[in-house]
N, C-alpha and C. Protein backbone atom coordinates (compact mmCIF):
# COMPACT_ATOMS: atom_id res chain seq x y z
N MET A 1 13.30 0.76 -18.54
CA MET A 1 13.65 -0.42 -17.75
C MET A 1 12.97 -0.31 -16.39
N SER A 2 12.19 -1.32 -16.03
CA SER A 2 11.53 -1.23 -14.74
C SER A 2 12.37 -1.90 -13.66
N THR A 3 12.03 -1.57 -12.43
CA THR A 3 12.76 -2.12 -11.29
C THR A 3 11.95 -3.25 -10.68
N GLU A 4 12.48 -3.82 -9.64
CA GLU A 4 11.80 -4.90 -8.93
C GLU A 4 10.90 -4.37 -7.83
N THR A 5 10.66 -3.06 -7.81
CA THR A 5 9.88 -2.45 -6.75
C THR A 5 8.50 -2.05 -7.25
N ARG A 6 7.55 -1.98 -6.31
CA ARG A 6 6.17 -1.66 -6.67
C ARG A 6 5.58 -0.68 -5.65
N ILE A 7 4.59 0.06 -6.12
CA ILE A 7 3.76 0.88 -5.25
C ILE A 7 2.37 0.25 -5.27
N ILE A 8 1.80 0.09 -4.12
CA ILE A 8 0.43 -0.41 -4.01
C ILE A 8 -0.41 0.69 -3.37
N LEU A 9 -1.54 0.98 -3.98
CA LEU A 9 -2.45 1.99 -3.47
C LEU A 9 -3.67 1.33 -2.85
N SER A 10 -4.12 1.90 -1.74
CA SER A 10 -5.34 1.43 -1.10
C SER A 10 -5.97 2.61 -0.37
N THR A 11 -7.29 2.65 -0.35
CA THR A 11 -7.99 3.68 0.41
C THR A 11 -8.76 3.01 1.53
N VAL A 12 -8.95 3.76 2.60
CA VAL A 12 -9.66 3.27 3.78
C VAL A 12 -10.47 4.44 4.35
N ASP A 13 -11.44 4.14 5.19
CA ASP A 13 -12.37 5.18 5.64
C ASP A 13 -11.88 6.04 6.80
N ASN A 14 -10.77 5.66 7.47
CA ASN A 14 -10.31 6.50 8.58
C ASN A 14 -8.82 6.33 8.85
N GLN A 15 -8.27 7.32 9.51
CA GLN A 15 -6.83 7.38 9.81
C GLN A 15 -6.40 6.22 10.71
N THR A 16 -7.21 5.88 11.69
CA THR A 16 -6.85 4.80 12.62
C THR A 16 -6.67 3.48 11.89
N LYS A 17 -7.60 3.14 11.01
CA LYS A 17 -7.49 1.89 10.25
C LYS A 17 -6.31 1.95 9.29
N ALA A 18 -6.06 3.12 8.70
CA ALA A 18 -4.90 3.29 7.81
C ALA A 18 -3.60 3.00 8.57
N GLU A 19 -3.49 3.53 9.78
CA GLU A 19 -2.29 3.30 10.58
C GLU A 19 -2.16 1.84 10.98
N GLU A 20 -3.28 1.20 11.27
CA GLU A 20 -3.26 -0.22 11.63
C GLU A 20 -2.75 -1.06 10.45
N ILE A 21 -3.26 -0.80 9.27
CA ILE A 21 -2.83 -1.54 8.07
C ILE A 21 -1.35 -1.28 7.80
N ALA A 22 -0.95 -0.01 7.84
CA ALA A 22 0.44 0.36 7.57
C ALA A 22 1.39 -0.31 8.56
N THR A 23 1.05 -0.25 9.83
CA THR A 23 1.90 -0.86 10.86
C THR A 23 2.02 -2.36 10.66
N SER A 24 0.93 -3.00 10.34
CA SER A 24 0.97 -4.45 10.08
C SER A 24 1.89 -4.78 8.92
N LEU A 25 1.75 -4.06 7.81
CA LEU A 25 2.55 -4.35 6.63
C LEU A 25 4.04 -4.14 6.87
N VAL A 26 4.38 -3.05 7.55
CA VAL A 26 5.80 -2.76 7.81
C VAL A 26 6.37 -3.72 8.85
N SER A 27 5.63 -3.98 9.92
CA SER A 27 6.15 -4.88 10.96
C SER A 27 6.29 -6.31 10.46
N GLU A 28 5.45 -6.70 9.51
CA GLU A 28 5.53 -8.04 8.93
C GLU A 28 6.50 -8.10 7.73
N ARG A 29 7.19 -7.01 7.47
CA ARG A 29 8.15 -6.88 6.37
C ARG A 29 7.54 -7.13 4.99
N LEU A 30 6.23 -6.90 4.87
CA LEU A 30 5.59 -6.99 3.56
C LEU A 30 5.79 -5.69 2.79
N ALA A 31 6.06 -4.62 3.50
CA ALA A 31 6.32 -3.31 2.89
C ALA A 31 7.48 -2.65 3.61
N SER A 32 8.21 -1.82 2.88
CA SER A 32 9.30 -1.07 3.50
C SER A 32 8.79 0.21 4.12
N CYS A 33 7.73 0.76 3.54
CA CYS A 33 7.22 2.06 3.96
C CYS A 33 5.78 2.20 3.48
N VAL A 34 4.97 2.88 4.28
CA VAL A 34 3.62 3.22 3.86
C VAL A 34 3.38 4.69 4.19
N ASN A 35 3.08 5.47 3.17
CA ASN A 35 2.70 6.87 3.38
C ASN A 35 1.19 6.92 3.53
N ILE A 36 0.73 7.74 4.45
CA ILE A 36 -0.70 7.88 4.70
C ILE A 36 -1.09 9.33 4.38
N LEU A 37 -1.98 9.49 3.42
CA LEU A 37 -2.47 10.81 3.04
C LEU A 37 -3.92 10.95 3.50
N PRO A 38 -4.15 11.75 4.53
CA PRO A 38 -5.50 11.89 5.06
C PRO A 38 -6.36 12.81 4.18
N GLN A 39 -7.65 12.65 4.33
CA GLN A 39 -8.64 13.56 3.77
C GLN A 39 -8.58 13.74 2.26
N ILE A 40 -8.62 12.64 1.55
CA ILE A 40 -8.86 12.73 0.12
C ILE A 40 -10.37 12.58 -0.07
N LEU A 41 -10.87 12.98 -1.19
CA LEU A 41 -12.29 12.83 -1.47
C LEU A 41 -12.44 11.84 -2.61
N SER A 42 -13.22 10.80 -2.38
CA SER A 42 -13.46 9.79 -3.41
C SER A 42 -14.91 9.88 -3.87
N ILE A 43 -15.08 9.88 -5.18
CA ILE A 43 -16.40 9.85 -5.79
C ILE A 43 -16.43 8.61 -6.66
N TYR A 44 -17.41 7.73 -6.41
CA TYR A 44 -17.42 6.44 -7.08
C TYR A 44 -18.86 5.90 -7.13
N ARG A 45 -19.06 4.94 -8.00
CA ARG A 45 -20.36 4.27 -8.08
C ARG A 45 -20.28 2.99 -7.25
N TRP A 46 -21.24 2.79 -6.37
CA TRP A 46 -21.30 1.59 -5.54
C TRP A 46 -22.75 1.15 -5.41
N LYS A 47 -23.01 -0.07 -5.85
CA LYS A 47 -24.34 -0.66 -5.78
C LYS A 47 -25.40 0.25 -6.40
N GLY A 48 -25.05 0.81 -7.58
CA GLY A 48 -25.99 1.60 -8.35
C GLY A 48 -26.12 3.05 -7.93
N GLN A 49 -25.41 3.47 -6.91
CA GLN A 49 -25.49 4.85 -6.41
C GLN A 49 -24.14 5.55 -6.56
N ILE A 50 -24.19 6.86 -6.81
CA ILE A 50 -22.97 7.66 -6.80
C ILE A 50 -22.68 8.03 -5.35
N GLU A 51 -21.51 7.67 -4.89
CA GLU A 51 -21.08 7.95 -3.51
C GLU A 51 -20.01 9.03 -3.51
N LYS A 52 -19.95 9.79 -2.46
CA LYS A 52 -18.95 10.85 -2.28
C LYS A 52 -18.53 10.78 -0.82
N GLU A 53 -17.31 10.28 -0.57
CA GLU A 53 -16.86 10.02 0.80
C GLU A 53 -15.43 10.48 1.02
N PRO A 54 -15.14 11.01 2.20
CA PRO A 54 -13.75 11.28 2.56
C PRO A 54 -13.05 9.94 2.86
N GLU A 55 -11.84 9.82 2.41
CA GLU A 55 -11.07 8.60 2.65
C GLU A 55 -9.62 8.98 2.96
N THR A 56 -8.86 7.99 3.36
CA THR A 56 -7.44 8.11 3.61
C THR A 56 -6.73 7.20 2.62
N LEU A 57 -5.69 7.71 1.97
CA LEU A 57 -4.96 6.96 0.96
C LEU A 57 -3.67 6.39 1.55
N LEU A 58 -3.45 5.10 1.32
CA LEU A 58 -2.19 4.47 1.69
C LEU A 58 -1.36 4.28 0.42
N ILE A 59 -0.11 4.70 0.48
CA ILE A 59 0.86 4.48 -0.60
C ILE A 59 1.90 3.52 -0.03
N ILE A 60 1.83 2.30 -0.50
CA ILE A 60 2.63 1.20 0.06
C ILE A 60 3.79 0.89 -0.89
N LYS A 61 5.02 0.88 -0.36
CA LYS A 61 6.18 0.53 -1.17
C LYS A 61 6.65 -0.87 -0.80
N THR A 62 6.86 -1.70 -1.84
CA THR A 62 7.26 -3.08 -1.59
C THR A 62 8.03 -3.65 -2.76
N ARG A 63 8.42 -4.90 -2.62
CA ARG A 63 9.10 -5.66 -3.67
C ARG A 63 8.07 -6.23 -4.63
N GLY A 64 8.46 -6.41 -5.86
CA GLY A 64 7.57 -7.02 -6.84
C GLY A 64 7.16 -8.42 -6.46
N ASP A 65 8.06 -9.16 -5.84
CA ASP A 65 7.75 -10.54 -5.47
C ASP A 65 6.91 -10.66 -4.18
N ARG A 66 6.57 -9.52 -3.56
CA ARG A 66 5.73 -9.55 -2.35
C ARG A 66 4.33 -8.99 -2.61
N VAL A 67 4.06 -8.58 -3.85
CA VAL A 67 2.78 -7.92 -4.18
C VAL A 67 1.59 -8.80 -3.82
N ASP A 68 1.60 -10.05 -4.20
CA ASP A 68 0.46 -10.93 -3.91
C ASP A 68 0.23 -11.05 -2.40
N GLU A 69 1.31 -11.15 -1.64
CA GLU A 69 1.18 -11.23 -0.18
C GLU A 69 0.60 -9.95 0.41
N VAL A 70 1.05 -8.80 -0.11
CA VAL A 70 0.53 -7.52 0.37
C VAL A 70 -0.95 -7.40 0.06
N ILE A 71 -1.33 -7.73 -1.18
CA ILE A 71 -2.74 -7.65 -1.57
C ILE A 71 -3.59 -8.53 -0.66
N SER A 72 -3.15 -9.75 -0.43
CA SER A 72 -3.90 -10.68 0.44
C SER A 72 -4.00 -10.15 1.86
N ARG A 73 -2.91 -9.63 2.39
CA ARG A 73 -2.91 -9.15 3.78
C ARG A 73 -3.81 -7.92 3.93
N VAL A 74 -3.71 -6.99 2.99
CA VAL A 74 -4.56 -5.79 3.06
C VAL A 74 -6.02 -6.21 2.99
N ALA A 75 -6.37 -7.07 2.05
CA ALA A 75 -7.76 -7.52 1.91
C ALA A 75 -8.25 -8.21 3.19
N GLU A 76 -7.36 -8.93 3.85
CA GLU A 76 -7.71 -9.65 5.07
C GLU A 76 -8.08 -8.70 6.23
N ILE A 77 -7.35 -7.59 6.37
CA ILE A 77 -7.56 -6.70 7.52
C ILE A 77 -8.31 -5.42 7.16
N HIS A 78 -8.69 -5.26 5.91
CA HIS A 78 -9.37 -4.06 5.44
C HIS A 78 -10.86 -4.11 5.81
N PRO A 79 -11.45 -2.96 6.19
CA PRO A 79 -12.86 -2.98 6.60
C PRO A 79 -13.87 -3.00 5.44
N TYR A 80 -13.45 -2.69 4.22
CA TYR A 80 -14.39 -2.61 3.11
C TYR A 80 -14.76 -3.99 2.57
N GLU A 81 -15.95 -4.08 2.03
CA GLU A 81 -16.41 -5.31 1.38
C GLU A 81 -15.54 -5.62 0.16
N VAL A 82 -15.23 -4.59 -0.61
CA VAL A 82 -14.37 -4.72 -1.79
C VAL A 82 -13.29 -3.62 -1.72
N PRO A 83 -12.18 -3.90 -1.03
CA PRO A 83 -11.16 -2.86 -0.89
C PRO A 83 -10.38 -2.61 -2.18
N GLU A 84 -10.01 -1.36 -2.36
CA GLU A 84 -9.09 -1.01 -3.44
C GLU A 84 -7.69 -1.42 -3.01
N VAL A 85 -7.07 -2.28 -3.78
CA VAL A 85 -5.68 -2.66 -3.55
C VAL A 85 -5.10 -2.88 -4.94
N ILE A 86 -4.38 -1.89 -5.46
CA ILE A 86 -3.84 -1.98 -6.82
C ILE A 86 -2.34 -1.75 -6.81
N SER A 87 -1.65 -2.47 -7.67
CA SER A 87 -0.19 -2.42 -7.75
C SER A 87 0.25 -1.70 -9.02
N LEU A 88 1.24 -0.85 -8.84
CA LEU A 88 1.84 -0.12 -9.97
C LEU A 88 3.35 -0.33 -9.95
N PRO A 89 3.96 -0.54 -11.11
CA PRO A 89 5.42 -0.69 -11.12
C PRO A 89 6.11 0.66 -10.92
N ILE A 90 7.25 0.63 -10.25
CA ILE A 90 8.11 1.81 -10.18
C ILE A 90 9.10 1.66 -11.33
N GLU A 91 8.99 2.51 -12.32
CA GLU A 91 9.83 2.37 -13.50
C GLU A 91 11.26 2.84 -13.26
N LYS A 92 11.42 3.94 -12.54
CA LYS A 92 12.75 4.48 -12.26
C LYS A 92 12.72 5.15 -10.90
N GLY A 93 13.89 5.34 -10.33
CA GLY A 93 13.98 6.04 -9.05
C GLY A 93 15.42 6.13 -8.60
N HIS A 94 15.63 6.82 -7.49
CA HIS A 94 16.95 6.95 -6.88
C HIS A 94 17.38 5.56 -6.41
N GLN A 95 18.42 5.01 -7.00
CA GLN A 95 18.78 3.61 -6.77
C GLN A 95 18.99 3.25 -5.31
N PRO A 96 19.66 4.09 -4.51
CA PRO A 96 19.80 3.73 -3.09
C PRO A 96 18.44 3.58 -2.39
N TYR A 97 17.47 4.40 -2.76
CA TYR A 97 16.13 4.28 -2.17
C TYR A 97 15.45 3.00 -2.64
N LEU A 98 15.55 2.69 -3.92
CA LEU A 98 14.97 1.46 -4.45
C LEU A 98 15.60 0.23 -3.78
N ASP A 99 16.92 0.29 -3.57
CA ASP A 99 17.61 -0.81 -2.87
C ASP A 99 17.09 -0.96 -1.44
N TRP A 100 16.82 0.18 -0.79
CA TRP A 100 16.29 0.16 0.57
C TRP A 100 14.91 -0.49 0.59
N ILE A 101 14.04 -0.16 -0.38
CA ILE A 101 12.73 -0.79 -0.46
C ILE A 101 12.89 -2.31 -0.54
N LEU A 102 13.77 -2.76 -1.43
CA LEU A 102 13.99 -4.19 -1.61
C LEU A 102 14.49 -4.85 -0.32
N ALA A 103 15.41 -4.19 0.37
CA ALA A 103 15.97 -4.77 1.59
C ALA A 103 14.95 -4.83 2.71
N GLU A 104 14.20 -3.75 2.90
CA GLU A 104 13.27 -3.69 4.04
C GLU A 104 12.03 -4.55 3.85
N ALA A 105 11.67 -4.83 2.61
CA ALA A 105 10.49 -5.67 2.36
C ALA A 105 10.90 -7.12 2.11
N SER A 106 12.04 -7.50 2.66
CA SER A 106 12.48 -8.89 2.53
C SER A 106 12.48 -9.53 3.92
N ALA A 107 12.53 -10.81 3.95
CA ALA A 107 12.49 -11.54 5.22
C ALA A 107 13.67 -11.19 6.11
N GLN A 108 14.83 -10.88 5.51
CA GLN A 108 16.02 -10.57 6.29
C GLN A 108 16.07 -9.13 6.77
N GLY A 109 15.40 -8.23 6.07
CA GLY A 109 15.46 -6.81 6.44
C GLY A 109 16.74 -6.17 5.97
N GLY A 110 16.88 -4.91 6.27
CA GLY A 110 18.05 -4.15 5.85
C GLY A 110 18.20 -2.93 6.72
N ASP A 111 19.02 -2.00 6.26
CA ASP A 111 19.25 -0.77 7.00
C ASP A 111 19.31 0.37 6.03
N ARG A 112 18.72 1.49 6.38
CA ARG A 112 18.68 2.65 5.49
C ARG A 112 19.96 3.40 5.54
């Protein structure tokens, strides 16, 4: 049984931009929380070349009904030409935490 909560992953080229995106999403109540994992290594093909770059990973927690808004907002403020912004369902979790995600990523907000 899945929940109404989602995790959205996005990578960015530096910590400062990651914090800017995270702060925007949380302050705009599009996300309840964003974890920032610095210094991951990404290897990918881009424009016919194999690239190897350090990146910062954002783990964004939000409501299922806010996913489209989060994707649009991240794409709007992201520095990449084609940013990674992918959504994954949270299948199970500690219910009070899942409830907190739902409350904080709503227009009314909530309290932990």
